Amino acid sequence: MSSAWWVYMVRSRSGKLYTGISTDPERRFREHGGEGGRGARFFRGDPPQAIVYREPVANRSIASQREAAIKKMRRPEKESLIE
Protein backbone atom coordinates (compact mmCIF):
# COMPACT_ATOMS: atom_id res chain seq x y z
CA MET A 1 0.00 0.00 0.00
CA SER A 2 1.42 3.34 -1.00
CA SER A 3 0.63 5.90 1.66
CA ALA A 4 1.04 9.64 1.81
CA TRP A 5 0.94 9.69 5.63
CA TRP A 6 2.42 7.58 8.40
CA VAL A 7 1.87 7.33 12.14
CA TYR A 8 5.15 6.39 13.82
CA MET A 9 6.70 5.80 17.24
CA VAL A 10 10.30 6.53 18.17
CA ARG A 11 12.05 5.13 21.23
CA SER A 12 14.38 7.57 23.00
CA ARG A 13 17.71 6.65 24.61
CA SER A 14 16.01 6.37 28.02
CA GLY A 15 13.26 4.12 26.60
CA LYS A 16 10.43 6.65 26.37
CA LEU A 17 8.10 6.45 23.37
CA TYR A 18 7.27 9.42 21.14
CA THR A 19 4.34 9.24 18.71
CA GLY A 20 4.07 11.45 15.65
CA ILE A 21 2.84 11.70 12.06
CA SER A 22 4.74 12.45 8.88
CA THR A 23 4.81 11.90 5.15
CA ASP A 24 8.41 10.69 5.57
CA PRO A 25 9.14 9.05 8.97
CA GLU A 26 12.86 8.53 8.20
CA ARG A 27 13.35 12.23 7.43
CA ARG A 28 11.40 13.17 10.53
CA PHE A 29 13.55 10.81 12.63
CA ARG A 30 16.69 12.57 11.36
CA GLU A 31 15.14 15.93 12.24
CA HIS A 32 14.34 14.70 15.74
CA GLY A 33 18.00 13.72 16.03
CA GLY A 34 19.10 17.29 15.40
CA GLU A 35 19.36 17.46 11.61
CA GLY A 36 17.87 20.69 10.35
CA GLY A 37 16.98 22.01 13.82
CA ARG A 38 13.34 20.93 13.51
CA GLY A 39 13.19 18.14 16.09
CA ALA A 40 10.51 17.81 18.74
CA ARG A 41 11.13 19.33 22.17
CA PHE A 42 10.47 15.81 23.57
CA PHE A 43 13.98 14.76 22.47
CA ARG A 44 15.98 17.56 24.09
CA GLY A 45 18.36 15.85 26.48
CA ASP A 46 17.03 12.39 25.57
CA PRO A 47 17.90 11.71 21.93
CA PRO A 48 15.94 9.41 19.64
CA GLN A 49 17.34 5.90 19.17
CA ALA A 50 15.13 4.17 16.61
CA ILE A 51 11.80 4.18 14.82
CA VAL A 52 10.06 1.23 16.46
CA TYR A 53 6.62 1.43 14.82
CA ARG A 54 5.20 2.64 11.51
CA GLU A 55 1.59 2.51 10.34
CA PRO A 56 0.52 3.72 6.90
CA VAL A 57 -2.72 5.71 6.75
CA ALA A 58 -4.74 7.21 3.91
CA ASN A 59 -4.53 10.92 4.76
CA ARG A 60 -3.48 13.52 7.31
CA SER A 61 -6.84 13.58 9.07
CA ILE A 62 -6.76 9.85 9.74
CA ALA A 63 -3.09 10.11 10.76
CA SER A 64 -3.93 12.79 13.34
CA GLN A 65 -6.82 10.74 14.72
CA ARG A 66 -4.67 7.61 15.00
CA GLU A 67 -1.82 9.59 16.61
CA ALA A 68 -4.25 10.92 19.24
CA ALA A 69 -5.58 7.41 19.90
CA ILE A 70 -2.06 6.02 20.37
CA LYS A 71 -1.07 8.90 22.65
CA LYS A 72 -4.02 8.04 24.91
CA MET A 73 -2.86 4.44 25.26
CA ARG A 74 -1.00 3.21 28.31
CA ARG A 75 2.57 2.07 27.81
CA PRO A 76 1.79 -1.70 27.74
CA GLU A 77 -0.72 -1.10 24.93
CA LYS A 78 1.88 0.86 22.96
CA GLU A 79 4.47 -1.87 23.50
CA SER A 80 2.00 -4.47 22.19
CA LEU A 81 1.66 -2.46 18.96
CA ILE A 82 5.44 -2.54 18.56
CA GLU A 83 5.77 -6.30 19.04
PDB file of N, CA and C in Angstrom:
ATOM      1  N   MET A   1       0.846  -1.189   0.000  1.00  0.00           N
ATOM      2  CA  MET A   1       0.000   0.000   0.000  1.00  0.00           C
ATOM      3  C   MET A   1       0.883   1.242   0.000  1.00  0.00           C
ATOM      4  N   SER A   2       0.705   2.084  -0.955  1.00  0.00           N
ATOM      5  CA  SER A   2       1.422   3.338  -1.001  1.00  0.00           C
ATOM      6  C   SER A   2       0.639   4.360  -0.182  1.00  0.00           C
ATOM      7  N   SER A   3       1.325   4.992   0.760  1.00  0.00           N
ATOM      8  CA  SER A   3       0.630   5.902   1.662  1.00  0.00           C
ATOM      9  C   SER A   3       1.301   7.261   1.673  1.00  0.00           C
ATOM     10  N   ALA A   4       0.501   8.297   1.714  1.00  0.00           N
ATOM     11  CA  ALA A   4       1.045   9.642   1.806  1.00  0.00           C
ATOM     12  C   ALA A   4       1.383  10.000   3.250  1.00  0.00           C
ATOM     13  N   TRP A   5       0.746   9.357   4.217  1.00  0.00           N
ATOM     14  CA  TRP A   5       0.944   9.689   5.626  1.00  0.00           C
ATOM     15  C   TRP A   5       1.238   8.442   6.449  1.00  0.00           C
ATOM     16  N   TRP A   6       2.037   8.653   7.489  1.00  0.00           N
ATOM     17  CA  TRP A   6       2.423   7.581   8.404  1.00  0.00           C
ATOM     18  C   TRP A   6       2.244   8.045   9.841  1.00  0.00           C
ATOM     19  N   VAL A   7       1.831   7.135  10.692  1.00  0.00           N
ATOM     20  CA  VAL A   7       1.873   7.328  12.140  1.00  0.00           C
ATOM     21  C   VAL A   7       3.083   6.516  12.585  1.00  0.00           C
ATOM     22  N   TYR A   8       3.933   7.098  13.427  1.00  0.00           N
ATOM     23  CA  TYR A   8       5.149   6.393  13.825  1.00  0.00           C
ATOM     24  C   TYR A   8       5.420   6.586  15.312  1.00  0.00           C
ATOM     25  N   MET A   9       6.223   5.668  15.861  1.00  0.00           N
ATOM     26  CA  MET A   9       6.699   5.800  17.235  1.00  0.00           C
ATOM     27  C   MET A   9       8.217   5.681  17.221  1.00  0.00           C
ATOM     28  N   VAL A  10       8.849   6.522  18.025  1.00  0.00           N
ATOM     29  CA  VAL A  10      10.301   6.525  18.171  1.00  0.00           C
ATOM     30  C   VAL A  10      10.620   6.269  19.637  1.00  0.00           C
ATOM     31  N   ARG A  11      11.589   5.385  19.863  1.00  0.00           N
ATOM     32  CA  ARG A  11      12.049   5.135  21.231  1.00  0.00           C
ATOM     33  C   ARG A  11      13.264   6.022  21.489  1.00  0.00           C
ATOM     34  N   SER A  12      13.260   6.712  22.634  1.00  0.00           N
ATOM     35  CA  SER A  12      14.380   7.567  23.003  1.00  0.00           C
ATOM     36  C   SER A  12      15.453   6.735  23.710  1.00  0.00           C
ATOM     37  N   ARG A  13      16.598   7.337  23.945  1.00  0.00           N
ATOM     38  CA  ARG A  13      17.706   6.645  24.611  1.00  0.00           C
ATOM     39  C   ARG A  13      17.291   6.096  25.966  1.00  0.00           C
ATOM     40  N   SER A  14      16.436   6.820  26.696  1.00  0.00           N
ATOM     41  CA  SER A  14      16.009   6.371  28.023  1.00  0.00           C
ATOM     42  C   SER A  14      14.853   5.367  27.959  1.00  0.00           C
ATOM     43  N   GLY A  15      14.336   5.095  26.749  1.00  0.00           N
ATOM     44  CA  GLY A  15      13.264   4.115  26.598  1.00  0.00           C
ATOM     45  C   GLY A  15      11.869   4.703  26.457  1.00  0.00           C
ATOM     46  N   LYS A  16      11.744   6.022  26.541  1.00  0.00           N
ATOM     47  CA  LYS A  16      10.427   6.651  26.367  1.00  0.00           C
ATOM     48  C   LYS A  16       9.979   6.527  24.914  1.00  0.00           C
ATOM     49  N   LEU A  17       8.660   6.554  24.712  1.00  0.00           N
ATOM     50  CA  LEU A  17       8.101   6.448  23.365  1.00  0.00           C
ATOM     51  C   LEU A  17       7.475   7.772  22.937  1.00  0.00           C
ATOM     52  N   TYR A  18       7.825   8.211  21.742  1.00  0.00           N
ATOM     53  CA  TYR A  18       7.268   9.417  21.139  1.00  0.00           C
ATOM     54  C   TYR A  18       6.416   8.993  19.946  1.00  0.00           C
ATOM     55  N   THR A  19       5.232   9.543  19.826  1.00  0.00           N
ATOM     56  CA  THR A  19       4.340   9.242  18.706  1.00  0.00           C
ATOM     57  C   THR A  19       4.159  10.493  17.857  1.00  0.00           C
ATOM     58  N   GLY A  20       4.247  10.325  16.545  1.00  0.00           N
ATOM     59  CA  GLY A  20       4.066  11.453  15.649  1.00  0.00           C
ATOM     60  C   GLY A  20       3.509  11.007  14.307  1.00  0.00           C
ATOM     61  N   ILE A  21       3.292  11.989  13.425  1.00  0.00           N
ATOM     62  CA  ILE A  21       2.838  11.705  12.062  1.00  0.00           C
ATOM     63  C   ILE A  21       3.765  12.418  11.085  1.00  0.00           C
ATOM     64  N   SER A  22       3.890  11.844   9.899  1.00  0.00           N
ATOM     65  CA  SER A  22       4.742  12.451   8.882  1.00  0.00           C
ATOM     66  C   SER A  22       4.463  11.810   7.530  1.00  0.00           C
ATOM     67  N   THR A  23       4.839  12.508   6.476  1.00  0.00           N
ATOM     68  CA  THR A  23       4.805  11.905   5.148  1.00  0.00           C
ATOM     69  C   THR A  23       6.089  11.125   4.889  1.00  0.00           C
ATOM     70  N   ASP A  24       7.112  11.364   5.727  1.00  0.00           N
ATOM     71  CA  ASP A  24       8.409  10.695   5.574  1.00  0.00           C
ATOM     72  C   ASP A  24       8.997  10.438   6.964  1.00  0.00           C
ATOM     73  N   PRO A  25       8.672   9.313   7.594  1.00  0.00           N
ATOM     74  CA  PRO A  25       9.136   9.049   8.965  1.00  0.00           C
ATOM     75  C   PRO A  25      10.661   9.041   9.114  1.00  0.00           C
ATOM     76  N   GLU A  26      11.395   8.557   8.097  1.00  0.00           N
ATOM     77  CA  GLU A  26      12.856   8.533   8.201  1.00  0.00           C
ATOM     78  C   GLU A  26      13.431   9.949   8.254  1.00  0.00           C
ATOM     79  N   ARG A  27      12.903  10.831   7.404  1.00  0.00           N
ATOM     80  CA  ARG A  27      13.351  12.228   7.430  1.00  0.00           C
ATOM     81  C   ARG A  27      13.028  12.859   8.777  1.00  0.00           C
ATOM     82  N   ARG A  28      11.824  12.599   9.254  1.00  0.00           N
ATOM     83  CA  ARG A  28      11.396  13.174  10.534  1.00  0.00           C
ATOM     84  C   ARG A  28      12.269  12.659  11.673  1.00  0.00           C
ATOM     85  N   PHE A  29      12.652  11.383  11.628  1.00  0.00           N
ATOM     86  CA  PHE A  29      13.549  10.814  12.631  1.00  0.00           C
ATOM     87  C   PHE A  29      14.888  11.560  12.629  1.00  0.00           C
ATOM     88  N   ARG A  30      15.431  11.818  11.445  1.00  0.00           N
ATOM     89  CA  ARG A  30      16.692  12.567  11.362  1.00  0.00           C
ATOM     90  C   ARG A  30      16.523  13.971  11.947  1.00  0.00           C
ATOM     91  N   GLU A  31      15.392  14.603  11.681  1.00  0.00           N
ATOM     92  CA  GLU A  31      15.138  15.932  12.241  1.00  0.00           C
ATOM     93  C   GLU A  31      15.065  15.872  13.760  1.00  0.00           C
ATOM     94  N   HIS A  32      14.408  14.847  14.285  1.00  0.00           N
ATOM     95  CA  HIS A  32      14.340  14.697  15.739  1.00  0.00           C
ATOM     96  C   HIS A  32      15.737  14.545  16.330  1.00  0.00           C
ATOM     97  N   GLY A  33      16.636  13.931  15.565  1.00  0.00           N
ATOM     98  CA  GLY A  33      18.003  13.717  16.028  1.00  0.00           C
ATOM     99  C   GLY A  33      18.884  14.946  15.927  1.00  0.00           C
ATOM    100  N   GLY A  34      18.349  16.048  15.441  1.00  0.00           N
ATOM    101  CA  GLY A  34      19.105  17.287  15.398  1.00  0.00           C
ATOM    102  C   GLY A  34      19.373  17.813  14.002  1.00  0.00           C
ATOM    103  N   GLU A  35      19.124  17.014  12.980  1.00  0.00           N
ATOM    104  CA  GLU A  35      19.359  17.459  11.614  1.00  0.00           C
ATOM    105  C   GLU A  35      18.317  18.498  11.210  1.00  0.00           C
ATOM    106  N   GLY A  36      18.781  19.651  10.820  1.00  0.00           N
ATOM    107  CA  GLY A  36      17.875  20.694  10.345  1.00  0.00           C
ATOM    108  C   GLY A  36      17.252  21.540  11.446  1.00  0.00           C
ATOM    109  N   GLY A  37      17.492  21.219  12.706  1.00  0.00           N
ATOM    110  CA  GLY A  37      16.979  22.014  13.817  1.00  0.00           C
ATOM    111  C   GLY A  37      15.469  22.016  13.953  1.00  0.00           C
ATOM    112  N   ARG A  38      14.799  20.958  13.467  1.00  0.00           N
ATOM    113  CA  ARG A  38      13.338  20.926  13.509  1.00  0.00           C
ATOM    114  C   ARG A  38      12.807  19.789  14.370  1.00  0.00           C
ATOM    115  N   GLY A  39      13.618  19.266  15.258  1.00  0.00           N
ATOM    116  CA  GLY A  39      13.191  18.144  16.089  1.00  0.00           C
ATOM    117  C   GLY A  39      12.202  18.556  17.163  1.00  0.00           C
ATOM    118  N   ALA A  40      11.490  17.573  17.678  1.00  0.00           N
ATOM    119  CA  ALA A  40      10.509  17.813  18.738  1.00  0.00           C
ATOM    120  C   ALA A  40      11.211  18.128  20.061  1.00  0.00           C
ATOM    121  N   ARG A  41      10.607  18.977  20.853  1.00  0.00           N
ATOM    122  CA  ARG A  41      11.125  19.326  22.166  1.00  0.00           C
ATOM    123  C   ARG A  41      11.294  18.078  23.042  1.00  0.00           C
ATOM    124  N   PHE A  42      10.447  17.080  22.833  1.00  0.00           N
ATOM    125  CA  PHE A  42      10.473  15.813  23.568  1.00  0.00           C
ATOM    126  C   PHE A  42      11.885  15.230  23.631  1.00  0.00           C
ATOM    127  N   PHE A  43      12.677  15.410  22.562  1.00  0.00           N
ATOM    128  CA  PHE A  43      13.982  14.764  22.471  1.00  0.00           C
ATOM    129  C   PHE A  43      15.142  15.599  22.998  1.00  0.00           C
ATOM    130  N   ARG A  44      14.893  16.758  23.527  1.00  0.00           N
ATOM    131  CA  ARG A  44      15.980  17.557  24.092  1.00  0.00           C
ATOM    132  C   ARG A  44      16.499  16.877  25.344  1.00  0.00           C
ATOM    133  N   GLY A  45      17.757  16.512  25.332  1.00  0.00           N
ATOM    134  CA  GLY A  45      18.365  15.851  26.479  1.00  0.00           C
ATOM    135  C   GLY A  45      18.111  14.352  26.535  1.00  0.00           C
ATOM    136  N   ASP A  46      17.335  13.825  25.621  1.00  0.00           N
ATOM    137  CA  ASP A  46      17.030  12.388  25.573  1.00  0.00           C
ATOM    138  C   ASP A  46      16.852  12.013  24.097  1.00  0.00           C
ATOM    139  N   PRO A  47      17.966  11.855  23.384  1.00  0.00           N
ATOM    140  CA  PRO A  47      17.901  11.714  21.930  1.00  0.00           C
ATOM    141  C   PRO A  47      17.167  10.468  21.443  1.00  0.00           C
ATOM    142  N   PRO A  48      16.638  10.557  20.227  1.00  0.00           N
ATOM    143  CA  PRO A  48      15.939   9.410  19.642  1.00  0.00           C
ATOM    144  C   PRO A  48      16.924   8.298  19.298  1.00  0.00           C
ATOM    145  N   GLN A  49      16.486   7.049  19.480  1.00  0.00           N
ATOM    146  CA  GLN A  49      17.341   5.901  19.170  1.00  0.00           C
ATOM    147  C   GLN A  49      16.895   5.185  17.903  1.00  0.00           C
ATOM    148  N   ALA A  50      15.597   4.934  17.766  1.00  0.00           N
ATOM    149  CA  ALA A  50      15.131   4.167  16.607  1.00  0.00           C
ATOM    150  C   ALA A  50      13.638   4.363  16.387  1.00  0.00           C
ATOM    151  N   ILE A  51      13.231   4.266  15.137  1.00  0.00           N
ATOM    152  CA  ILE A  51      11.805   4.176  14.823  1.00  0.00           C
ATOM    153  C   ILE A  51      11.408   2.740  15.138  1.00  0.00           C
ATOM    154  N   VAL A  52      10.439   2.578  16.034  1.00  0.00           N
ATOM    155  CA  VAL A  52      10.056   1.235  16.463  1.00  0.00           C
ATOM    156  C   VAL A  52       8.685   0.818  15.943  1.00  0.00           C
ATOM    157  N   TYR A  53       7.956   1.744  15.326  1.00  0.00           N
ATOM    158  CA  TYR A  53       6.616   1.429  14.819  1.00  0.00           C
ATOM    159  C   TYR A  53       6.269   2.385  13.698  1.00  0.00           C
ATOM    160  N   ARG A  54       5.708   1.838  12.627  1.00  0.00           N
ATOM    161  CA  ARG A  54       5.196   2.643  11.509  1.00  0.00           C
ATOM    162  C   ARG A  54       3.857   2.063  11.089  1.00  0.00           C
ATOM    163  N   GLU A  55       2.917   2.951  10.810  1.00  0.00           N
ATOM    164  CA  GLU A  55       1.594   2.509  10.344  1.00  0.00           C
ATOM    165  C   GLU A  55       1.156   3.423   9.202  1.00  0.00           C
ATOM    166  N   PRO A  56       0.970   2.882   8.012  1.00  0.00           N
ATOM    167  CA  PRO A  56       0.516   3.715   6.898  1.00  0.00           C
ATOM    168  C   PRO A  56      -0.965   4.049   7.051  1.00  0.00           C
ATOM    169  N   VAL A  57      -1.313   5.284   6.711  1.00  0.00           N
ATOM    170  CA  VAL A  57      -2.715   5.712   6.751  1.00  0.00           C
ATOM    171  C   VAL A  57      -3.029   6.488   5.474  1.00  0.00           C
ATOM    172  N   ALA A  58      -4.303   6.647   5.191  1.00  0.00           N
ATOM    173  CA  ALA A  58      -4.736   7.210   3.911  1.00  0.00           C
ATOM    174  C   ALA A  58      -4.505   8.712   3.769  1.00  0.00           C
ATOM    175  N   ASN A  59      -4.655   9.469   4.874  1.00  0.00           N
ATOM    176  CA  ASN A  59      -4.527  10.921   4.760  1.00  0.00           C
ATOM    177  C   ASN A  59      -4.160  11.535   6.112  1.00  0.00           C
ATOM    178  N   ARG A  60      -3.919  12.842   6.101  1.00  0.00           N
ATOM    179  CA  ARG A  60      -3.476  13.518   7.314  1.00  0.00           C
ATOM    180  C   ARG A  60      -4.525  13.476   8.422  1.00  0.00           C
ATOM    181  N   SER A  61      -5.770  13.603   8.069  1.00  0.00           N
ATOM    182  CA  SER A  61      -6.838  13.584   9.066  1.00  0.00           C
ATOM    183  C   SER A  61      -6.854  12.260   9.831  1.00  0.00           C
ATOM    184  N   ILE A  62      -6.783  11.163   9.095  1.00  0.00           N
ATOM    185  CA  ILE A  62      -6.762   9.850   9.743  1.00  0.00           C
ATOM    186  C   ILE A  62      -5.484   9.684  10.557  1.00  0.00           C
ATOM    187  N   ALA A  63      -4.362  10.190  10.029  1.00  0.00           N
ATOM    188  CA  ALA A  63      -3.093  10.111  10.758  1.00  0.00           C
ATOM    189  C   ALA A  63      -3.196  10.837  12.098  1.00  0.00           C
ATOM    190  N   SER A  64      -3.780  12.022  12.097  1.00  0.00           N
ATOM    191  CA  SER A  64      -3.928  12.791  13.340  1.00  0.00           C
ATOM    192  C   SER A  64      -4.837  12.083  14.335  1.00  0.00           C
ATOM    193  N   GLN A  65      -5.901  11.481  13.836  1.00  0.00           N
ATOM    194  CA  GLN A  65      -6.816  10.742  14.719  1.00  0.00           C
ATOM    195  C   GLN A  65      -6.123   9.530  15.329  1.00  0.00           C
ATOM    196  N   ARG A  66      -5.367   8.805  14.504  1.00  0.00           N
ATOM    197  CA  ARG A  66      -4.670   7.610  14.998  1.00  0.00           C
ATOM    198  C   ARG A  66      -3.573   8.008  15.985  1.00  0.00           C
ATOM    199  N   GLU A  67      -2.851   9.089  15.697  1.00  0.00           N
ATOM    200  CA  GLU A  67      -1.824   9.594  16.608  1.00  0.00           C
ATOM    201  C   GLU A  67      -2.444   9.894  17.968  1.00  0.00           C
ATOM    202  N   ALA A  68      -3.574  10.579  17.979  1.00  0.00           N
ATOM    203  CA  ALA A  68      -4.249  10.919  19.239  1.00  0.00           C
ATOM    204  C   ALA A  68      -4.661   9.659  19.989  1.00  0.00           C
ATOM    205  N   ALA A  69      -5.161   8.667  19.265  1.00  0.00           N
ATOM    206  CA  ALA A  69      -5.578   7.412  19.905  1.00  0.00           C
ATOM    207  C   ALA A  69      -4.387   6.698  20.531  1.00  0.00           C
ATOM    208  N   ILE A  70      -3.256   6.677  19.829  1.00  0.00           N
ATOM    209  CA  ILE A  70      -2.057   6.019  20.366  1.00  0.00           C
ATOM    210  C   ILE A  70      -1.540   6.777  21.578  1.00  0.00           C
ATOM    211  N   LYS A  71      -1.555   8.103  21.524  1.00  0.00           N
ATOM    212  CA  LYS A  71      -1.066   8.900  22.650  1.00  0.00           C
ATOM    213  C   LYS A  71      -1.905   8.692  23.907  1.00  0.00           C
ATOM    214  N   LYS A  72      -3.163   8.305  23.754  1.00  0.00           N
ATOM    215  CA  LYS A  72      -4.023   8.042  24.914  1.00  0.00           C
ATOM    216  C   LYS A  72      -3.783   6.660  25.514  1.00  0.00           C
ATOM    217  N   MET A  73      -3.096   5.799  24.774  1.00  0.00           N
ATOM    218  CA  MET A  73      -2.855   4.438  25.257  1.00  0.00           C
ATOM    219  C   MET A  73      -1.865   4.431  26.416  1.00  0.00           C
ATOM    220  N   ARG A  74      -1.998   3.438  27.268  1.00  0.00           N
ATOM    221  CA  ARG A  74      -1.003   3.206  28.307  1.00  0.00           C
ATOM    222  C   ARG A  74       0.206   2.532  27.663  1.00  0.00           C
ATOM    223  N   ARG A  75       1.327   2.610  28.363  1.00  0.00           N
ATOM    224  CA  ARG A  75       2.569   2.074  27.808  1.00  0.00           C
ATOM    225  C   ARG A  75       2.463   0.606  27.370  1.00  0.00           C
ATOM    226  N   PRO A  76       1.870  -0.295  28.181  1.00  0.00           N
ATOM    227  CA  PRO A  76       1.788  -1.699  27.739  1.00  0.00           C
ATOM    228  C   PRO A  76       1.034  -1.866  26.414  1.00  0.00           C
ATOM    229  N   GLU A  77       0.023  -1.042  26.194  1.00  0.00           N
ATOM    230  CA  GLU A  77      -0.717  -1.096  24.929  1.00  0.00           C
ATOM    231  C   GLU A  77       0.170  -0.651  23.763  1.00  0.00           C
ATOM    232  N   LYS A  78       0.961   0.393  23.997  1.00  0.00           N
ATOM    233  CA  LYS A  78       1.881   0.863  22.959  1.00  0.00           C
ATOM    234  C   LYS A  78       2.928  -0.202  22.650  1.00  0.00           C
ATOM    235  N   GLU A  79       3.457  -0.827  23.694  1.00  0.00           N
ATOM    236  CA  GLU A  79       4.468  -1.870  23.498  1.00  0.00           C
ATOM    237  C   GLU A  79       3.888  -3.044  22.714  1.00  0.00           C
ATOM    238  N   SER A  80       2.611  -3.358  22.929  1.00  0.00           N
ATOM    239  CA  SER A  80       2.001  -4.472  22.191  1.00  0.00           C
ATOM    240  C   SER A  80       1.845  -4.136  20.704  1.00  0.00           C
ATOM    241  N   LEU A  81       1.689  -2.861  20.369  1.00  0.00           N
ATOM    242  CA  LEU A  81       1.665  -2.457  18.960  1.00  0.00           C
ATOM    243  C   LEU A  81       3.027  -2.700  18.310  1.00  0.00           C
ATOM    244  N   ILE A  82       4.074  -2.432  19.069  1.00  0.00           N
ATOM    245  CA  ILE A  82       5.437  -2.537  18.555  1.00  0.00           C
ATOM    246  C   ILE A  82       5.818  -3.992  18.298  1.00  0.00           C
ATOM    247  N   GLU A  83       5.361  -4.888  19.153  1.00  0.00           N
ATOM    248  CA  GLU A  83       5.769  -6.300  19.043  1.00  0.00           C
ATOM    249  C   GLU A  83       5.186  -7.007  17.888  1.00  0.00           C
TER     250      GLU A  83
END
